[in-house]
Amino acid sequence: MIIDDCTLHRENLATIFGMNGMAAPCVAWDLPSLVAALEGTAPSVVLLNIETRGSALLLQAAMDICPGVRVIVLGASEDNEPEIVACAEAGVAGYHMRTDSLEDLLVLIRKVAAGSTSCSPKVSAILLRRLSALASQRQPAVKELALTTREVQILRMLELGRSNQDIAMQLSIAVHTVKNHVHSLLTKLGVSTRAEAAAVSRNLRLHQV
């Protein structure tokens, strides 16, 4: 699937994919078109142009509607660290930077479709710095952390970008109960957003390996 509000970009990519033996992609350019496109299909890989209007909202919507979908961000800049970190916290699987080639994109799509996660050495360095910063900020709280079994379950689902409604349905509990658990998690982790809680959780598991 291609999410891009530039018609020329969408059409060019679709043509290139066809020439390389790939299936014709579905396309979207805003939230209504995204919801409509995903009603009848579940793409294995989504390409999101980061310059598209409302790209952060579209990224979250795609992952909410199709949990587990693999997202590649197109057009990211290695100089924009906040953007790169935000995409990582949202759970993207790969980055195609502005300096990368068409061949790089085709290789990246195949890697991500096969289950790999890929980013350039500079992006990796940015993300490692972010993890180190989180570790140093949260370490005192981690030592005192005592999550319940239910909170651990919900924290794992926050990592996947699940909504309160999705979590409630999967765990067979009320939505307001989920909200209470999420509030408790944010307090225990010392964070203010679901994305930050997910990032801390990933960081903790990384350091436990």
N, C-alpha and C. Protein backbone atom coordinates (compact mmCIF):
# COMPACT_ATOMS: atom_id res chain seq x y z
N MET A 1 0.84 -1.19 0.00
CA MET A 1 0.00 0.00 0.00
C MET A 1 0.88 1.25 0.00
N ILE A 2 0.48 2.26 -0.77
CA ILE A 2 1.20 3.52 -0.81
C ILE A 2 0.31 4.61 -0.20
N ILE A 3 0.86 5.33 0.79
CA ILE A 3 0.17 6.48 1.37
C ILE A 3 0.98 7.71 1.02
N ASP A 4 0.43 8.55 0.15
CA ASP A 4 1.17 9.72 -0.35
C ASP A 4 0.15 10.68 -0.94
N ASP A 5 0.22 11.95 -0.56
CA ASP A 5 -0.76 12.90 -1.10
C ASP A 5 -0.29 13.54 -2.40
N CYS A 6 0.81 13.05 -2.97
CA CYS A 6 1.25 13.49 -4.30
C CYS A 6 0.87 12.42 -5.32
N THR A 7 -0.08 12.74 -6.19
CA THR A 7 -0.56 11.77 -7.18
C THR A 7 0.56 11.26 -8.07
N LEU A 8 1.46 12.14 -8.49
CA LEU A 8 2.55 11.74 -9.35
C LEU A 8 3.44 10.70 -8.68
N HIS A 9 3.75 10.92 -7.40
CA HIS A 9 4.57 9.95 -6.67
C HIS A 9 3.88 8.59 -6.62
N ARG A 10 2.59 8.59 -6.29
CA ARG A 10 1.85 7.33 -6.18
C ARG A 10 1.86 6.59 -7.52
N GLU A 11 1.55 7.31 -8.57
CA GLU A 11 1.47 6.66 -9.89
C GLU A 11 2.83 6.15 -10.35
N ASN A 12 3.88 6.90 -10.09
CA ASN A 12 5.22 6.46 -10.48
C ASN A 12 5.63 5.20 -9.74
N LEU A 13 5.39 5.16 -8.44
CA LEU A 13 5.75 3.98 -7.66
C LEU A 13 4.95 2.77 -8.11
N ALA A 14 3.66 2.95 -8.34
CA ALA A 14 2.82 1.84 -8.78
C ALA A 14 3.33 1.28 -10.11
N THR A 15 3.72 2.17 -11.02
CA THR A 15 4.26 1.72 -12.32
C THR A 15 5.57 0.96 -12.14
N ILE A 16 6.44 1.48 -11.28
CA ILE A 16 7.73 0.83 -11.03
C ILE A 16 7.53 -0.55 -10.42
N PHE A 17 6.59 -0.67 -9.47
CA PHE A 17 6.36 -1.96 -8.84
C PHE A 17 5.87 -2.97 -9.88
N GLY A 18 4.98 -2.53 -10.77
CA GLY A 18 4.49 -3.43 -11.81
C GLY A 18 5.61 -3.90 -12.72
N MET A 19 6.54 -3.01 -13.03
CA MET A 19 7.66 -3.36 -13.89
C MET A 19 8.63 -4.32 -13.21
N ASN A 20 8.57 -4.37 -11.89
CA ASN A 20 9.46 -5.27 -11.14
C ASN A 20 8.73 -6.50 -10.62
N GLY A 21 7.58 -6.80 -11.21
CA GLY A 21 6.88 -8.03 -10.88
C GLY A 21 6.14 -8.02 -9.56
N MET A 22 5.89 -6.84 -8.99
CA MET A 22 5.17 -6.75 -7.72
C MET A 22 3.68 -6.55 -7.98
N ALA A 23 2.88 -6.93 -7.01
CA ALA A 23 1.43 -6.76 -7.12
C ALA A 23 1.09 -5.28 -7.14
N ALA A 24 0.01 -4.94 -7.83
CA ALA A 24 -0.45 -3.55 -7.89
C ALA A 24 -0.84 -3.08 -6.49
N PRO A 25 -0.30 -1.98 -6.01
CA PRO A 25 -0.60 -1.53 -4.65
C PRO A 25 -1.94 -0.79 -4.57
N CYS A 26 -2.56 -0.87 -3.41
CA CYS A 26 -3.68 0.04 -3.15
C CYS A 26 -3.07 1.36 -2.69
N VAL A 27 -3.83 2.44 -2.77
CA VAL A 27 -3.28 3.76 -2.47
C VAL A 27 -4.21 4.55 -1.57
N ALA A 28 -3.61 5.52 -0.86
CA ALA A 28 -4.38 6.45 -0.02
C ALA A 28 -3.62 7.76 0.05
N TRP A 29 -4.34 8.84 0.35
CA TRP A 29 -3.70 10.15 0.39
C TRP A 29 -4.19 10.98 1.59
N ASP A 30 -5.25 10.51 2.25
CA ASP A 30 -5.72 11.16 3.47
C ASP A 30 -6.46 10.12 4.30
N LEU A 31 -7.02 10.53 5.43
CA LEU A 31 -7.64 9.55 6.33
C LEU A 31 -8.85 8.85 5.71
N PRO A 32 -9.79 9.57 5.08
CA PRO A 32 -10.94 8.87 4.47
C PRO A 32 -10.51 7.86 3.41
N SER A 33 -9.56 8.22 2.56
CA SER A 33 -9.13 7.28 1.52
C SER A 33 -8.39 6.10 2.13
N LEU A 34 -7.69 6.33 3.23
CA LEU A 34 -6.99 5.22 3.91
C LEU A 34 -7.99 4.23 4.49
N VAL A 35 -8.99 4.74 5.19
CA VAL A 35 -10.00 3.86 5.79
C VAL A 35 -10.73 3.08 4.70
N ALA A 36 -11.08 3.76 3.62
CA ALA A 36 -11.79 3.09 2.53
C ALA A 36 -10.92 2.01 1.88
N ALA A 37 -9.64 2.30 1.68
CA ALA A 37 -8.75 1.33 1.04
C ALA A 37 -8.53 0.10 1.89
N LEU A 38 -8.53 0.28 3.21
CA LEU A 38 -8.25 -0.85 4.10
C LEU A 38 -9.49 -1.66 4.46
N GLU A 39 -10.66 -1.22 3.99
CA GLU A 39 -11.88 -1.96 4.28
C GLU A 39 -11.88 -3.35 3.64
N GLY A 40 -11.29 -3.45 2.44
CA GLY A 40 -11.34 -4.72 1.74
C GLY A 40 -10.01 -5.40 1.57
N THR A 41 -8.95 -4.87 2.23
CA THR A 41 -7.63 -5.49 2.05
C THR A 41 -6.79 -5.29 3.29
N ALA A 42 -5.79 -6.15 3.46
CA ALA A 42 -4.85 -6.04 4.58
C ALA A 42 -3.45 -6.15 4.01
N PRO A 43 -2.85 -5.02 3.61
CA PRO A 43 -1.53 -5.06 2.98
C PRO A 43 -0.46 -5.58 3.93
N SER A 44 0.53 -6.26 3.38
CA SER A 44 1.62 -6.76 4.22
C SER A 44 2.64 -5.67 4.49
N VAL A 45 2.77 -4.72 3.53
CA VAL A 45 3.71 -3.62 3.68
C VAL A 45 3.03 -2.32 3.28
N VAL A 46 3.23 -1.28 4.08
CA VAL A 46 2.71 0.06 3.78
C VAL A 46 3.89 1.01 3.59
N LEU A 47 3.86 1.76 2.49
CA LEU A 47 4.85 2.80 2.25
C LEU A 47 4.20 4.14 2.56
N LEU A 48 4.76 4.87 3.51
CA LEU A 48 4.19 6.15 3.92
C LEU A 48 5.19 7.27 3.65
N ASN A 49 4.82 8.20 2.76
CA ASN A 49 5.64 9.39 2.54
C ASN A 49 5.50 10.30 3.75
N ILE A 50 6.60 10.52 4.46
CA ILE A 50 6.56 11.29 5.70
C ILE A 50 6.16 12.74 5.47
N GLU A 51 6.28 13.21 4.20
CA GLU A 51 5.92 14.58 3.87
C GLU A 51 4.42 14.73 3.61
N THR A 52 3.68 13.63 3.60
CA THR A 52 2.24 13.70 3.38
C THR A 52 1.57 14.44 4.54
N ARG A 53 0.59 15.27 4.25
CA ARG A 53 -0.11 15.99 5.30
C ARG A 53 -0.73 15.02 6.30
N GLY A 54 -0.51 15.28 7.59
CA GLY A 54 -1.07 14.43 8.62
C GLY A 54 -0.45 13.04 8.65
N SER A 55 0.83 12.93 8.28
CA SER A 55 1.47 11.61 8.18
C SER A 55 1.48 10.85 9.51
N ALA A 56 1.65 11.55 10.62
CA ALA A 56 1.66 10.88 11.93
C ALA A 56 0.30 10.24 12.21
N LEU A 57 -0.77 10.96 11.91
CA LEU A 57 -2.12 10.43 12.11
C LEU A 57 -2.37 9.24 11.18
N LEU A 58 -1.93 9.36 9.94
CA LEU A 58 -2.13 8.28 8.97
C LEU A 58 -1.35 7.03 9.36
N LEU A 59 -0.14 7.22 9.90
CA LEU A 59 0.66 6.09 10.37
C LEU A 59 -0.06 5.36 11.49
N GLN A 60 -0.55 6.11 12.47
CA GLN A 60 -1.24 5.48 13.59
C GLN A 60 -2.53 4.80 13.14
N ALA A 61 -3.25 5.44 12.22
CA ALA A 61 -4.50 4.87 11.73
C ALA A 61 -4.25 3.55 11.01
N ALA A 62 -3.22 3.51 10.17
CA ALA A 62 -2.91 2.29 9.44
C ALA A 62 -2.58 1.15 10.38
N MET A 63 -1.84 1.46 11.45
CA MET A 63 -1.45 0.41 12.39
C MET A 63 -2.61 0.01 13.30
N ASP A 64 -3.52 0.92 13.56
CA ASP A 64 -4.72 0.58 14.35
C ASP A 64 -5.66 -0.31 13.54
N ILE A 65 -5.85 0.04 12.27
CA ILE A 65 -6.78 -0.72 11.44
C ILE A 65 -6.20 -2.09 11.07
N CYS A 66 -4.90 -2.14 10.82
CA CYS A 66 -4.24 -3.40 10.46
C CYS A 66 -3.10 -3.70 11.44
N PRO A 67 -3.43 -4.19 12.63
CA PRO A 67 -2.39 -4.48 13.62
C PRO A 67 -1.35 -5.44 13.04
N GLY A 68 -0.11 -5.13 13.26
CA GLY A 68 0.95 -5.99 12.77
C GLY A 68 1.44 -5.64 11.38
N VAL A 69 0.80 -4.67 10.72
CA VAL A 69 1.25 -4.28 9.38
C VAL A 69 2.66 -3.70 9.46
N ARG A 70 3.45 -3.95 8.45
CA ARG A 70 4.84 -3.48 8.40
C ARG A 70 4.89 -2.17 7.62
N VAL A 71 5.38 -1.11 8.26
CA VAL A 71 5.38 0.22 7.64
C VAL A 71 6.80 0.67 7.33
N ILE A 72 6.99 1.17 6.12
CA ILE A 72 8.25 1.79 5.70
C ILE A 72 7.99 3.28 5.52
N VAL A 73 8.80 4.10 6.16
CA VAL A 73 8.68 5.54 6.01
C VAL A 73 9.57 6.00 4.86
N LEU A 74 8.97 6.75 3.93
CA LEU A 74 9.71 7.28 2.78
C LEU A 74 10.04 8.76 2.99
N GLY A 75 11.23 9.15 2.57
CA GLY A 75 11.59 10.57 2.56
C GLY A 75 12.04 11.13 3.89
N ALA A 76 12.42 10.27 4.83
CA ALA A 76 12.91 10.77 6.12
C ALA A 76 14.29 11.37 5.94
N SER A 77 14.62 12.34 6.79
CA SER A 77 15.93 12.99 6.75
C SER A 77 16.72 12.61 7.98
N GLU A 78 18.00 12.25 7.78
CA GLU A 78 18.85 11.89 8.91
C GLU A 78 19.11 13.08 9.83
N ASP A 79 18.82 14.28 9.36
CA ASP A 79 19.01 15.48 10.18
C ASP A 79 17.82 15.76 11.09
N ASN A 80 16.71 15.05 10.86
CA ASN A 80 15.50 15.29 11.65
C ASN A 80 15.35 14.18 12.69
N GLU A 81 16.09 14.27 13.78
CA GLU A 81 16.08 13.22 14.80
C GLU A 81 14.72 13.04 15.46
N PRO A 82 14.00 14.13 15.81
CA PRO A 82 12.68 13.93 16.43
C PRO A 82 11.73 13.13 15.55
N GLU A 83 11.77 13.37 14.24
CA GLU A 83 10.91 12.64 13.32
C GLU A 83 11.27 11.16 13.28
N ILE A 84 12.56 10.86 13.24
CA ILE A 84 13.02 9.48 13.20
C ILE A 84 12.63 8.75 14.47
N VAL A 85 12.82 9.39 15.62
CA VAL A 85 12.48 8.77 16.90
C VAL A 85 10.97 8.54 17.00
N ALA A 86 10.18 9.53 16.56
CA ALA A 86 8.72 9.40 16.61
C ALA A 86 8.26 8.21 15.77
N CYS A 87 8.86 8.03 14.61
CA CYS A 87 8.49 6.89 13.76
C CYS A 87 8.85 5.58 14.43
N ALA A 88 10.02 5.53 15.07
CA ALA A 88 10.44 4.31 15.76
C ALA A 88 9.49 3.99 16.90
N GLU A 89 9.09 5.01 17.65
CA GLU A 89 8.17 4.80 18.77
C GLU A 89 6.81 4.33 18.28
N ALA A 90 6.44 4.75 17.06
CA ALA A 90 5.16 4.31 16.50
C ALA A 90 5.24 2.86 16.00
N GLY A 91 6.47 2.36 15.80
CA GLY A 91 6.63 0.96 15.41
C GLY A 91 6.92 0.71 13.95
N VAL A 92 7.50 1.70 13.23
CA VAL A 92 7.80 1.47 11.81
C VAL A 92 8.88 0.39 11.68
N ALA A 93 8.88 -0.30 10.53
CA ALA A 93 9.81 -1.41 10.31
C ALA A 93 11.01 -1.01 9.47
N GLY A 94 10.95 0.14 8.79
CA GLY A 94 12.07 0.52 7.94
C GLY A 94 12.01 1.98 7.53
N TYR A 95 13.16 2.50 7.17
CA TYR A 95 13.29 3.89 6.73
C TYR A 95 13.93 3.92 5.35
N HIS A 96 13.31 4.61 4.40
CA HIS A 96 13.95 4.89 3.11
C HIS A 96 14.25 6.37 3.12
N MET A 97 15.54 6.69 3.28
CA MET A 97 15.94 8.07 3.47
C MET A 97 15.95 8.84 2.14
N ARG A 98 16.03 10.14 2.22
CA ARG A 98 16.02 10.98 1.03
C ARG A 98 17.23 10.71 0.14
N THR A 99 18.30 10.22 0.72
CA THR A 99 19.51 9.94 -0.06
C THR A 99 19.54 8.52 -0.63
N ASP A 100 18.52 7.71 -0.32
CA ASP A 100 18.49 6.32 -0.79
C ASP A 100 17.94 6.24 -2.22
N SER A 101 18.30 5.18 -2.92
CA SER A 101 17.92 5.01 -4.32
C SER A 101 16.67 4.17 -4.49
N LEU A 102 16.20 4.08 -5.73
CA LEU A 102 15.07 3.22 -6.05
C LEU A 102 15.41 1.76 -5.77
N GLU A 103 16.60 1.34 -6.15
CA GLU A 103 17.01 -0.03 -5.89
C GLU A 103 17.03 -0.32 -4.39
N ASP A 104 17.46 0.68 -3.60
CA ASP A 104 17.45 0.53 -2.14
C ASP A 104 16.02 0.27 -1.66
N LEU A 105 15.05 1.00 -2.26
CA LEU A 105 13.66 0.83 -1.85
C LEU A 105 13.15 -0.56 -2.18
N LEU A 106 13.44 -1.06 -3.36
CA LEU A 106 12.97 -2.39 -3.75
C LEU A 106 13.55 -3.47 -2.84
N VAL A 107 14.82 -3.33 -2.51
CA VAL A 107 15.46 -4.28 -1.59
C VAL A 107 14.82 -4.18 -0.20
N LEU A 108 14.58 -2.94 0.24
CA LEU A 108 14.01 -2.71 1.57
C LEU A 108 12.61 -3.32 1.68
N ILE A 109 11.80 -3.14 0.65
CA ILE A 109 10.44 -3.69 0.66
C ILE A 109 10.48 -5.21 0.84
N ARG A 110 11.36 -5.85 0.12
CA ARG A 110 11.45 -7.32 0.23
C ARG A 110 11.92 -7.74 1.61
N LYS A 111 12.87 -7.00 2.18
CA LYS A 111 13.36 -7.32 3.52
C LYS A 111 12.25 -7.18 4.56
N VAL A 112 11.54 -6.06 4.49
CA VAL A 112 10.49 -5.79 5.47
C VAL A 112 9.35 -6.79 5.31
N ALA A 113 8.99 -7.11 4.06
CA ALA A 113 7.92 -8.09 3.82
C ALA A 113 8.30 -9.45 4.39
N ALA A 114 9.61 -9.74 4.44
CA ALA A 114 10.08 -11.03 4.97
C ALA A 114 10.20 -11.02 6.49
N GLY A 115 9.90 -9.86 7.12
CA GLY A 115 9.91 -9.80 8.58
C GLY A 115 11.09 -9.08 9.19
N SER A 116 11.99 -8.54 8.36
CA SER A 116 13.16 -7.83 8.89
C SER A 116 12.82 -6.38 9.22
N THR A 117 13.64 -5.79 10.07
CA THR A 117 13.57 -4.36 10.35
C THR A 117 14.87 -3.74 9.88
N SER A 118 14.77 -2.60 9.17
CA SER A 118 15.97 -2.07 8.52
C SER A 118 16.05 -0.55 8.63
N CYS A 119 17.26 -0.07 8.94
CA CYS A 119 17.51 1.36 8.92
C CYS A 119 19.00 1.58 8.71
N SER A 120 19.36 2.79 8.30
CA SER A 120 20.76 3.10 8.01
C SER A 120 21.57 3.16 9.30
N PRO A 121 22.91 3.08 9.19
CA PRO A 121 23.75 3.18 10.39
C PRO A 121 23.52 4.48 11.17
N LYS A 122 23.30 5.58 10.45
CA LYS A 122 23.09 6.85 11.14
C LYS A 122 21.76 6.84 11.90
N VAL A 123 20.72 6.26 11.30
CA VAL A 123 19.43 6.16 11.99
C VAL A 123 19.57 5.24 13.20
N SER A 124 20.29 4.15 13.05
CA SER A 124 20.53 3.24 14.18
C SER A 124 21.21 3.97 15.33
N ALA A 125 22.19 4.82 15.00
CA ALA A 125 22.90 5.58 16.03
C ALA A 125 21.95 6.54 16.75
N ILE A 126 21.05 7.17 15.99
CA ILE A 126 20.08 8.08 16.59
C ILE A 126 19.18 7.34 17.57
N LEU A 127 18.69 6.16 17.15
CA LEU A 127 17.78 5.39 17.99
C LEU A 127 18.50 4.86 19.23
N LEU A 128 19.75 4.47 19.09
CA LEU A 128 20.51 3.99 20.25
C LEU A 128 20.73 5.11 21.26
N ARG A 129 20.98 6.32 20.77
CA ARG A 129 21.13 7.46 21.68
C ARG A 129 19.82 7.70 22.44
N ARG A 130 18.70 7.55 21.74
CA ARG A 130 17.40 7.74 22.37
C ARG A 130 17.16 6.68 23.44
N LEU A 131 17.51 5.44 23.14
CA LEU A 131 17.36 4.36 24.12
C LEU A 131 18.24 4.59 25.34
N SER A 132 19.46 5.04 25.10
CA SER A 132 20.37 5.30 26.22
C SER A 132 19.84 6.42 27.10
N ALA A 133 19.28 7.46 26.45
CA ALA A 133 18.71 8.57 27.22
C ALA A 133 17.53 8.11 28.06
N LEU A 134 16.67 7.28 27.47
CA LEU A 134 15.53 6.76 28.22
C LEU A 134 15.99 5.90 29.38
N ALA A 135 17.02 5.08 29.14
CA ALA A 135 17.52 4.19 30.20
C ALA A 135 18.04 5.00 31.38
N SER A 136 18.79 6.06 31.08
CA SER A 136 19.36 6.86 32.16
C SER A 136 18.28 7.64 32.90
N GLN A 137 17.24 8.06 32.19
CA GLN A 137 16.16 8.82 32.82
C GLN A 137 15.27 7.94 33.68
N ARG A 138 15.04 6.69 33.24
CA ARG A 138 14.04 5.83 33.89
C ARG A 138 14.64 4.82 34.85
N GLN A 139 15.98 4.71 34.91
CA GLN A 139 16.55 3.63 35.69
C GLN A 139 16.09 3.60 37.15
N PRO A 140 16.07 4.74 37.87
CA PRO A 140 15.60 4.68 39.25
C PRO A 140 14.18 4.15 39.37
N ALA A 141 13.31 4.57 38.45
CA ALA A 141 11.93 4.11 38.50
C ALA A 141 11.82 2.63 38.19
N VAL A 142 12.67 2.15 37.27
CA VAL A 142 12.61 0.75 36.87
C VAL A 142 12.87 -0.17 38.04
N LYS A 143 13.82 0.21 38.90
CA LYS A 143 14.16 -0.65 40.04
C LYS A 143 12.97 -0.85 40.96
N GLU A 144 12.10 0.14 41.02
CA GLU A 144 10.95 0.07 41.92
C GLU A 144 9.69 -0.38 41.19
N LEU A 145 9.83 -0.67 39.89
CA LEU A 145 8.67 -0.99 39.08
C LEU A 145 8.08 -2.34 39.48
N ALA A 146 6.76 -2.37 39.65
CA ALA A 146 6.08 -3.62 39.98
C ALA A 146 4.77 -3.65 39.21
N LEU A 147 4.81 -4.21 38.00
CA LEU A 147 3.62 -4.26 37.17
C LEU A 147 2.83 -5.53 37.45
N THR A 148 1.52 -5.41 37.40
CA THR A 148 0.67 -6.59 37.52
C THR A 148 0.69 -7.36 36.20
N THR A 149 0.22 -8.60 36.26
CA THR A 149 0.17 -9.41 35.04
C THR A 149 -0.66 -8.73 33.97
N ARG A 150 -1.80 -8.14 34.35
CA ARG A 150 -2.66 -7.45 33.40
C ARG A 150 -1.96 -6.24 32.81
N GLU A 151 -1.22 -5.49 33.64
CA GLU A 151 -0.51 -4.32 33.15
C GLU A 151 0.57 -4.71 32.15
N VAL A 152 1.24 -5.82 32.40
CA VAL A 152 2.26 -6.31 31.46
C VAL A 152 1.60 -6.65 30.12
N GLN A 153 0.43 -7.31 30.17
CA GLN A 153 -0.29 -7.65 28.94
C GLN A 153 -0.62 -6.39 28.15
N ILE A 154 -1.14 -5.39 28.84
CA ILE A 154 -1.56 -4.16 28.17
C ILE A 154 -0.35 -3.39 27.65
N LEU A 155 0.76 -3.41 28.40
CA LEU A 155 1.96 -2.73 27.95
C LEU A 155 2.46 -3.32 26.64
N ARG A 156 2.41 -4.65 26.50
CA ARG A 156 2.83 -5.30 25.26
C ARG A 156 1.93 -4.85 24.10
N MET A 157 0.64 -4.67 24.38
CA MET A 157 -0.28 -4.24 23.33
C MET A 157 -0.07 -2.77 22.96
N LEU A 158 0.35 -1.97 23.94
CA LEU A 158 0.68 -0.58 23.63
C LEU A 158 1.88 -0.53 22.69
N GLU A 159 2.82 -1.46 22.85
CA GLU A 159 3.96 -1.54 21.93
C GLU A 159 3.50 -1.77 20.50
N LEU A 160 2.40 -2.50 20.35
CA LEU A 160 1.87 -2.82 19.03
C LEU A 160 0.97 -1.72 18.49
N GLY A 161 0.78 -0.66 19.28
CA GLY A 161 -0.03 0.45 18.83
C GLY A 161 -1.53 0.22 18.92
N ARG A 162 -1.95 -0.74 19.77
CA ARG A 162 -3.37 -1.06 19.86
C ARG A 162 -4.15 0.04 20.58
N SER A 163 -5.39 0.25 20.17
CA SER A 163 -6.27 1.22 20.82
C SER A 163 -6.88 0.61 22.07
N ASN A 164 -7.48 1.46 22.91
CA ASN A 164 -8.16 0.95 24.11
C ASN A 164 -9.27 -0.03 23.75
N GLN A 165 -9.98 0.27 22.66
CA GLN A 165 -11.06 -0.62 22.23
C GLN A 165 -10.53 -1.99 21.82
N ASP A 166 -9.42 -2.00 21.07
CA ASP A 166 -8.82 -3.27 20.65
C ASP A 166 -8.37 -4.09 21.86
N ILE A 167 -7.72 -3.41 22.81
CA ILE A 167 -7.23 -4.10 24.01
C ILE A 167 -8.39 -4.67 24.80
N ALA A 168 -9.44 -3.87 24.95
CA ALA A 168 -10.61 -4.34 25.71
C ALA A 168 -11.22 -5.57 25.07
N MET A 169 -11.32 -5.55 23.75
CA MET A 169 -11.91 -6.68 23.04
C MET A 169 -11.06 -7.93 23.18
N GLN A 170 -9.73 -7.78 23.05
CA GLN A 170 -8.85 -8.94 23.11
C GLN A 170 -8.79 -9.54 24.51
N LEU A 171 -8.85 -8.69 25.53
CA LEU A 171 -8.75 -9.18 26.91
C LEU A 171 -10.12 -9.41 27.55
N SER A 172 -11.18 -9.12 26.79
CA SER A 172 -12.56 -9.30 27.29
C SER A 172 -12.80 -8.52 28.57
N ILE A 173 -12.38 -7.26 28.57
CA ILE A 173 -12.63 -6.38 29.70
C ILE A 173 -13.23 -5.07 29.18
N ALA A 174 -13.76 -4.25 30.08
CA ALA A 174 -14.39 -3.00 29.68
C ALA A 174 -13.34 -1.96 29.27
N VAL A 175 -13.75 -1.05 28.39
CA VAL A 175 -12.82 -0.02 27.91
C VAL A 175 -12.36 0.86 29.07
N HIS A 176 -13.26 1.20 29.98
CA HIS A 176 -12.85 2.06 31.10
C HIS A 176 -11.84 1.36 32.01
N THR A 177 -11.92 0.02 32.07
CA THR A 177 -10.92 -0.73 32.83
C THR A 177 -9.56 -0.63 32.17
N VAL A 178 -9.56 -0.70 30.83
CA VAL A 178 -8.30 -0.54 30.09
C VAL A 178 -7.72 0.84 30.37
N LYS A 179 -8.56 1.86 30.33
CA LYS A 179 -8.09 3.22 30.58
C LYS A 179 -7.44 3.34 31.96
N ASN A 180 -8.05 2.69 32.95
CA ASN A 180 -7.48 2.72 34.30
C ASN A 180 -6.12 2.06 34.34
N HIS A 181 -5.99 0.92 33.65
CA HIS A 181 -4.71 0.23 33.61
C HIS A 181 -3.65 1.07 32.89
N VAL A 182 -4.04 1.71 31.78
CA VAL A 182 -3.10 2.54 31.04
C VAL A 182 -2.62 3.71 31.90
N HIS A 183 -3.56 4.33 32.62
CA HIS A 183 -3.19 5.43 33.51
C HIS A 183 -2.20 4.96 34.58
N SER A 184 -2.46 3.78 35.13
CA SER A 184 -1.56 3.22 36.14
C SER A 184 -0.18 2.95 35.54
N LEU A 185 -0.15 2.43 34.31
CA LEU A 185 1.12 2.15 33.64
C LEU A 185 1.93 3.42 33.43
N LEU A 186 1.27 4.46 32.93
CA LEU A 186 1.97 5.72 32.68
C LEU A 186 2.57 6.27 33.97
N THR A 187 1.82 6.14 35.06
CA THR A 187 2.30 6.63 36.35
C THR A 187 3.50 5.83 36.82
N LYS A 188 3.42 4.51 36.74
CA LYS A 188 4.52 3.66 37.20
C LYS A 188 5.78 3.83 36.36
N LEU A 189 5.60 4.05 35.06
CA LEU A 189 6.75 4.20 34.17
C LEU A 189 7.30 5.62 34.17
N GLY A 190 6.55 6.54 34.74
CA GLY A 190 7.01 7.92 34.80
C GLY A 190 6.96 8.63 33.47
N VAL A 191 5.97 8.27 32.64
CA VAL A 191 5.84 8.87 31.31
C VAL A 191 4.45 9.49 31.18
N SER A 192 4.24 10.25 30.09
CA SER A 192 2.96 10.94 29.94
C SER A 192 2.17 10.49 28.73
N THR A 193 2.77 9.69 27.84
CA THR A 193 2.06 9.25 26.65
C THR A 193 2.21 7.76 26.44
N ARG A 194 1.29 7.18 25.66
CA ARG A 194 1.33 5.75 25.33
C ARG A 194 2.60 5.41 24.53
N ALA A 195 3.00 6.32 23.62
CA ALA A 195 4.19 6.08 22.80
C ALA A 195 5.43 6.00 23.68
N GLU A 196 5.52 6.88 24.70
CA GLU A 196 6.66 6.85 25.61
C GLU A 196 6.67 5.56 26.42
N ALA A 197 5.49 5.09 26.84
CA ALA A 197 5.41 3.84 27.59
C ALA A 197 5.89 2.68 26.73
N ALA A 198 5.49 2.66 25.47
CA ALA A 198 5.91 1.60 24.55
C ALA A 198 7.42 1.64 24.35
N ALA A 199 7.98 2.85 24.22
CA ALA A 199 9.43 2.98 24.02
C ALA A 199 10.20 2.48 25.24
N VAL A 200 9.72 2.82 26.44
CA VAL A 200 10.37 2.35 27.67
C VAL A 200 10.31 0.83 27.75
N SER A 201 9.17 0.26 27.39
CA SER A 201 9.02 -1.19 27.42
C SER A 201 10.00 -1.87 26.48
N ARG A 202 10.13 -1.33 25.25
CA ARG A 202 11.08 -1.91 24.30
C ARG A 202 12.51 -1.79 24.83
N ASN A 203 12.80 -0.65 25.46
CA ASN A 203 14.14 -0.43 26.00
C ASN A 203 14.46 -1.43 27.11
N LEU A 204 13.48 -1.68 27.98
CA LEU A 204 13.69 -2.63 29.07
C LEU A 204 13.97 -4.02 28.55
N ARG A 205 13.18 -4.44 27.53
CA ARG A 205 13.39 -5.78 26.97
C ARG A 205 14.73 -5.87 26.27
N LEU A 206 15.15 -4.76 25.64
CA LEU A 206 16.44 -4.76 24.95
C LEU A 206 17.57 -5.00 25.94
N HIS A 207 17.48 -4.36 27.12
CA HIS A 207 18.55 -4.49 28.10
C HIS A 207 18.48 -5.79 28.87
N GLN A 208 17.36 -6.50 28.72
CA GLN A 208 17.25 -7.80 29.39
C GLN A 208 17.81 -8.93 28.54
N VAL A 209 18.02 -8.64 27.23
CA VAL A 209 18.52 -9.68 26.32
C VAL A 209 20.00 -9.96 26.60
